[in-house]
N, C-alpha and C. Protein backbone atom coordinates (compact mmCIF):
# COMPACT_ATOMS: atom_id res chain seq x y z
N MET A 1 -6.93 3.79 -8.28
CA MET A 1 -5.66 3.94 -8.97
C MET A 1 -4.75 2.78 -8.60
N MET A 2 -4.07 2.18 -9.57
CA MET A 2 -3.17 1.07 -9.34
C MET A 2 -1.74 1.52 -9.57
N LYS A 3 -0.81 0.95 -8.78
CA LYS A 3 0.61 1.25 -8.93
C LYS A 3 1.35 -0.04 -9.23
N VAL A 4 2.43 0.06 -9.97
CA VAL A 4 3.26 -1.10 -10.25
C VAL A 4 4.56 -0.94 -9.48
N LEU A 5 4.82 -1.87 -8.57
CA LEU A 5 6.01 -1.82 -7.73
C LEU A 5 6.53 -3.22 -7.48
N SER A 6 7.81 -3.33 -7.23
CA SER A 6 8.41 -4.58 -6.79
C SER A 6 9.57 -4.21 -5.87
N ILE A 7 9.25 -3.94 -4.62
CA ILE A 7 10.23 -3.39 -3.68
C ILE A 7 10.17 -4.18 -2.38
N GLU A 8 11.33 -4.50 -1.81
CA GLU A 8 11.39 -5.19 -0.52
C GLU A 8 11.83 -4.22 0.57
N GLY A 9 11.45 -4.50 1.79
CA GLY A 9 11.95 -3.78 2.94
C GLY A 9 11.52 -2.33 3.03
N LEU A 10 10.30 -2.03 2.64
CA LEU A 10 9.78 -0.68 2.75
C LEU A 10 9.17 -0.46 4.11
N MET A 11 9.20 0.79 4.56
CA MET A 11 8.50 1.12 5.80
C MET A 11 7.00 0.98 5.55
N ILE A 12 6.30 0.43 6.53
CA ILE A 12 4.85 0.39 6.39
C ILE A 12 4.34 1.82 6.59
N LYS A 13 3.11 2.06 6.19
CA LYS A 13 2.55 3.42 6.20
C LYS A 13 2.42 4.00 7.60
N GLU A 14 1.83 3.24 8.52
CA GLU A 14 1.49 3.79 9.83
C GLU A 14 1.55 2.72 10.91
N VAL A 15 2.13 3.05 12.04
CA VAL A 15 2.09 2.18 13.21
C VAL A 15 0.95 2.69 14.08
N THR A 16 0.10 1.75 14.55
CA THR A 16 -1.08 2.16 15.32
C THR A 16 -1.03 1.73 16.78
N ASP A 17 -0.23 0.71 17.10
CA ASP A 17 -0.16 0.24 18.49
C ASP A 17 1.15 -0.49 18.72
N VAL A 18 1.68 -0.34 19.93
CA VAL A 18 2.91 -1.03 20.34
C VAL A 18 2.69 -1.57 21.75
N SER A 19 3.08 -2.82 21.97
CA SER A 19 3.01 -3.38 23.32
C SER A 19 4.35 -4.02 23.66
N LEU A 20 4.69 -3.97 24.95
CA LEU A 20 5.93 -4.53 25.46
C LEU A 20 5.61 -5.50 26.58
N GLU A 21 6.33 -6.62 26.62
CA GLU A 21 6.15 -7.60 27.69
C GLU A 21 7.52 -8.16 28.06
N ILE A 22 7.85 -8.09 29.34
CA ILE A 22 9.13 -8.63 29.82
C ILE A 22 8.86 -9.97 30.49
N SER A 23 9.69 -10.96 30.15
CA SER A 23 9.58 -12.27 30.78
C SER A 23 10.98 -12.76 31.11
N GLN A 24 11.03 -13.79 31.95
CA GLN A 24 12.31 -14.39 32.32
C GLN A 24 12.20 -15.89 32.12
N ASN A 25 13.21 -16.44 31.42
CA ASN A 25 13.23 -17.86 31.16
C ASN A 25 14.65 -18.38 31.37
N GLN A 26 14.82 -19.27 32.30
CA GLN A 26 16.13 -19.86 32.62
C GLN A 26 17.19 -18.80 32.86
N GLY A 27 16.83 -17.79 33.63
CA GLY A 27 17.78 -16.75 34.02
C GLY A 27 18.03 -15.67 32.98
N GLN A 28 17.42 -15.79 31.80
CA GLN A 28 17.58 -14.77 30.78
C GLN A 28 16.30 -13.94 30.69
N PHE A 29 16.49 -12.63 30.65
CA PHE A 29 15.35 -11.74 30.46
C PHE A 29 15.09 -11.58 28.97
N GLU A 30 13.82 -11.46 28.62
CA GLU A 30 13.43 -11.28 27.23
C GLU A 30 12.36 -10.20 27.15
N LEU A 31 12.52 -9.31 26.20
CA LEU A 31 11.52 -8.29 25.93
C LEU A 31 10.80 -8.68 24.65
N LYS A 32 9.49 -8.81 24.74
CA LYS A 32 8.68 -9.12 23.56
C LYS A 32 8.02 -7.82 23.12
N ILE A 33 8.30 -7.44 21.88
CA ILE A 33 7.74 -6.22 21.31
C ILE A 33 6.75 -6.64 20.23
N LYS A 34 5.56 -6.05 20.28
CA LYS A 34 4.54 -6.32 19.27
C LYS A 34 4.07 -4.98 18.72
N ALA A 35 4.07 -4.85 17.39
CA ALA A 35 3.60 -3.62 16.75
C ALA A 35 2.54 -3.97 15.72
N THR A 36 1.51 -3.14 15.66
CA THR A 36 0.49 -3.28 14.63
C THR A 36 0.41 -1.98 13.85
N GLY A 37 -0.03 -2.09 12.62
CA GLY A 37 -0.14 -0.91 11.78
C GLY A 37 -0.75 -1.26 10.45
N PHE A 38 -0.59 -0.35 9.49
CA PHE A 38 -1.16 -0.54 8.16
C PHE A 38 -0.12 -0.28 7.09
N ALA A 39 -0.09 -1.18 6.09
CA ALA A 39 0.75 -1.01 4.91
C ALA A 39 -0.04 -0.24 3.86
N LEU A 40 0.67 0.19 2.83
CA LEU A 40 0.08 1.04 1.80
C LEU A 40 -0.97 0.37 0.94
N ALA A 41 -0.92 -0.94 0.82
CA ALA A 41 -1.85 -1.63 -0.08
C ALA A 41 -2.01 -3.08 0.35
N ALA A 42 -3.02 -3.72 -0.18
CA ALA A 42 -3.24 -5.14 0.09
C ALA A 42 -2.11 -5.97 -0.52
N GLY A 43 -1.79 -7.08 0.12
CA GLY A 43 -0.80 -7.99 -0.42
C GLY A 43 0.59 -7.86 0.18
N TRP A 44 0.78 -6.94 1.11
CA TRP A 44 2.09 -6.83 1.76
C TRP A 44 2.32 -8.08 2.61
N SER A 45 3.60 -8.43 2.81
CA SER A 45 3.95 -9.61 3.59
C SER A 45 5.24 -9.36 4.38
N LYS A 46 5.61 -10.35 5.17
CA LYS A 46 6.85 -10.36 5.94
C LYS A 46 7.06 -9.09 6.78
N PRO A 47 6.08 -8.76 7.63
CA PRO A 47 6.28 -7.60 8.50
C PRO A 47 7.40 -7.87 9.50
N THR A 48 8.26 -6.90 9.69
CA THR A 48 9.38 -7.06 10.62
C THR A 48 9.61 -5.77 11.39
N LEU A 49 10.21 -5.93 12.54
CA LEU A 49 10.73 -4.80 13.32
C LEU A 49 12.24 -4.90 13.26
N GLU A 50 12.90 -3.90 12.73
CA GLU A 50 14.36 -3.90 12.61
C GLU A 50 14.96 -2.89 13.56
N LEU A 51 15.76 -3.40 14.49
CA LEU A 51 16.46 -2.54 15.44
C LEU A 51 17.49 -1.70 14.69
N ARG A 52 17.46 -0.40 14.91
CA ARG A 52 18.46 0.47 14.30
C ARG A 52 19.82 0.21 14.95
N SER A 53 20.87 0.32 14.16
CA SER A 53 22.21 0.04 14.69
C SER A 53 22.76 1.29 15.38
N TYR A 54 23.53 1.05 16.42
CA TYR A 54 24.10 2.12 17.23
C TYR A 54 25.58 1.88 17.44
N ASP A 55 26.38 2.95 17.28
CA ASP A 55 27.79 2.87 17.65
C ASP A 55 27.93 2.97 19.16
N PHE A 56 27.03 3.74 19.77
CA PHE A 56 27.00 3.92 21.22
C PHE A 56 25.55 3.82 21.67
N PRO A 57 25.30 3.32 22.86
CA PRO A 57 23.91 3.22 23.33
C PRO A 57 23.27 4.61 23.38
N PRO A 58 21.95 4.69 23.10
CA PRO A 58 21.27 5.98 23.19
C PRO A 58 21.34 6.54 24.60
N VAL A 59 21.66 7.81 24.71
CA VAL A 59 21.80 8.47 26.01
C VAL A 59 20.50 8.42 26.81
N ASP A 60 19.36 8.53 26.12
CA ASP A 60 18.07 8.55 26.81
C ASP A 60 17.49 7.16 27.08
N GLY A 61 18.18 6.09 26.62
CA GLY A 61 17.71 4.73 26.86
C GLY A 61 16.56 4.31 25.96
N ILE A 62 16.26 5.12 24.94
CA ILE A 62 15.18 4.81 23.99
C ILE A 62 15.82 4.19 22.75
N TYR A 63 15.51 2.94 22.48
CA TYR A 63 16.03 2.24 21.31
C TYR A 63 14.97 2.29 20.21
N GLU A 64 15.43 2.47 18.97
CA GLU A 64 14.51 2.71 17.87
C GLU A 64 14.48 1.53 16.88
N PHE A 65 13.28 1.27 16.39
CA PHE A 65 13.04 0.19 15.43
C PHE A 65 12.31 0.75 14.22
N ASP A 66 12.56 0.14 13.06
CA ASP A 66 11.81 0.46 11.84
C ASP A 66 10.83 -0.67 11.58
N PHE A 67 9.59 -0.31 11.32
CA PHE A 67 8.52 -1.26 11.02
C PHE A 67 8.45 -1.38 9.50
N LYS A 68 8.90 -2.53 8.98
CA LYS A 68 9.01 -2.72 7.53
C LYS A 68 8.22 -3.94 7.07
N GLY A 69 8.05 -4.01 5.78
CA GLY A 69 7.40 -5.16 5.17
C GLY A 69 7.81 -5.27 3.72
N GLN A 70 7.38 -6.34 3.10
CA GLN A 70 7.67 -6.55 1.69
C GLN A 70 6.43 -6.21 0.88
N ALA A 71 6.59 -5.28 -0.05
CA ALA A 71 5.48 -4.88 -0.92
C ALA A 71 5.20 -5.99 -1.92
N PRO A 72 3.95 -6.12 -2.34
CA PRO A 72 3.62 -7.14 -3.33
C PRO A 72 4.21 -6.78 -4.69
N GLU A 73 4.52 -7.81 -5.45
CA GLU A 73 5.02 -7.56 -6.81
C GLU A 73 3.83 -7.30 -7.72
N GLY A 74 4.05 -6.47 -8.70
CA GLY A 74 3.00 -6.19 -9.67
C GLY A 74 2.08 -5.07 -9.21
N ARG A 75 0.86 -5.18 -9.61
CA ARG A 75 -0.12 -4.12 -9.32
C ARG A 75 -0.57 -4.18 -7.87
N MET A 76 -0.77 -2.99 -7.32
CA MET A 76 -1.24 -2.88 -5.94
C MET A 76 -2.50 -2.03 -5.91
N SER A 77 -3.45 -2.41 -5.07
CA SER A 77 -4.65 -1.60 -4.89
C SER A 77 -4.39 -0.56 -3.80
N ASN A 78 -5.31 0.35 -3.65
CA ASN A 78 -5.18 1.39 -2.61
C ASN A 78 -5.71 0.94 -1.26
N ALA A 79 -6.21 -0.28 -1.14
CA ALA A 79 -6.73 -0.78 0.13
C ALA A 79 -5.59 -0.97 1.12
N LEU A 80 -5.78 -0.52 2.35
CA LEU A 80 -4.74 -0.68 3.36
C LEU A 80 -4.71 -2.12 3.85
N GLU A 81 -3.51 -2.60 4.20
CA GLU A 81 -3.30 -3.97 4.69
C GLU A 81 -2.86 -3.89 6.15
N LYS A 82 -3.61 -4.54 7.04
CA LYS A 82 -3.21 -4.57 8.46
C LYS A 82 -1.98 -5.45 8.62
N MET A 83 -1.00 -4.97 9.39
CA MET A 83 0.26 -5.68 9.58
C MET A 83 0.51 -5.87 11.08
N LEU A 84 1.14 -6.99 11.41
CA LEU A 84 1.51 -7.30 12.79
C LEU A 84 2.93 -7.85 12.78
N ALA A 85 3.80 -7.27 13.60
CA ALA A 85 5.19 -7.73 13.67
C ALA A 85 5.58 -7.95 15.13
N HIS A 86 6.45 -8.94 15.34
CA HIS A 86 6.95 -9.28 16.67
C HIS A 86 8.48 -9.21 16.65
N TYR A 87 9.04 -8.86 17.81
CA TYR A 87 10.50 -8.87 17.97
C TYR A 87 10.78 -9.40 19.37
N ARG A 88 11.64 -10.40 19.47
CA ARG A 88 12.04 -10.95 20.77
C ARG A 88 13.48 -10.54 21.02
N TRP A 89 13.70 -9.85 22.12
CA TRP A 89 15.00 -9.30 22.44
C TRP A 89 15.50 -9.94 23.72
N THR A 90 16.36 -10.95 23.59
CA THR A 90 16.92 -11.65 24.74
C THR A 90 18.10 -10.86 25.29
N ASN A 91 18.15 -10.75 26.60
CA ASN A 91 19.20 -9.98 27.29
C ASN A 91 19.39 -8.60 26.68
N TYR A 92 18.28 -7.88 26.61
CA TYR A 92 18.29 -6.51 26.10
C TYR A 92 19.18 -5.63 26.99
N PRO A 93 19.62 -4.46 26.52
CA PRO A 93 20.54 -3.61 27.29
C PRO A 93 19.95 -3.19 28.65
N LYS A 94 20.79 -3.12 29.63
CA LYS A 94 20.35 -2.74 30.98
C LYS A 94 19.86 -1.31 31.05
N ASP A 95 20.34 -0.47 30.12
CA ASP A 95 19.94 0.94 30.13
C ASP A 95 18.64 1.19 29.36
N LEU A 96 17.99 0.14 28.85
CA LEU A 96 16.77 0.28 28.07
C LEU A 96 15.65 0.88 28.92
N LYS A 97 15.08 1.97 28.43
CA LYS A 97 13.96 2.62 29.13
C LYS A 97 12.68 2.56 28.30
N GLY A 98 12.84 2.36 26.99
CA GLY A 98 11.67 2.32 26.11
C GLY A 98 12.09 2.06 24.68
N VAL A 99 11.09 1.90 23.82
CA VAL A 99 11.35 1.70 22.39
C VAL A 99 10.47 2.66 21.59
N ARG A 100 11.00 3.09 20.47
CA ARG A 100 10.24 3.91 19.53
C ARG A 100 10.16 3.14 18.22
N ILE A 101 8.94 2.90 17.76
CA ILE A 101 8.70 2.19 16.51
C ILE A 101 8.36 3.23 15.45
N HIS A 102 9.14 3.21 14.35
CA HIS A 102 8.95 4.16 13.25
C HIS A 102 8.24 3.49 12.08
N ALA A 103 7.29 4.22 11.49
CA ALA A 103 6.65 3.83 10.24
C ALA A 103 6.83 5.00 9.27
N GLY A 104 6.30 4.88 8.08
CA GLY A 104 6.48 5.92 7.08
C GLY A 104 5.90 7.27 7.47
N GLU A 105 4.75 7.26 8.16
CA GLU A 105 4.07 8.52 8.47
C GLU A 105 4.05 8.89 9.94
N ASN A 106 4.50 7.99 10.81
CA ASN A 106 4.47 8.33 12.24
C ASN A 106 5.40 7.42 13.01
N SER A 107 5.41 7.60 14.31
CA SER A 107 6.16 6.73 15.22
C SER A 107 5.41 6.67 16.54
N ILE A 108 5.65 5.61 17.31
CA ILE A 108 5.06 5.48 18.64
C ILE A 108 6.17 5.15 19.61
N LEU A 109 6.20 5.87 20.73
CA LEU A 109 7.13 5.63 21.82
C LEU A 109 6.41 4.86 22.90
N LYS A 110 7.01 3.75 23.34
CA LYS A 110 6.43 2.95 24.42
C LYS A 110 7.52 2.78 25.48
N MET A 111 7.23 3.22 26.69
CA MET A 111 8.18 3.12 27.80
C MET A 111 7.97 1.82 28.55
N LEU A 112 9.06 1.30 29.14
CA LEU A 112 8.96 0.08 29.95
C LEU A 112 8.21 0.39 31.24
């Protein structure tokens, strides 16, 4: 079955793995977040991790991200597309205890 869509910034279907790495460069700490998963169809591009906005820091220290991508224009097949997104967070909050990556059908929590 083929679908016709032209939509940007959709959540990918499923997140399958999340890794975190902390490094220090010239006195600044950086958290590298890597997420892998699957989009709804072949041809997706521009995978991104978008930090959700907060008026106040999360009480539990868990910061949340949405795993998004750009759907292909025109017809899409039902074949899943593997996606990989990176996020570099320089001088992340001191209260950070972990991150939760959200996709369309699931989420993964990864603690520091």
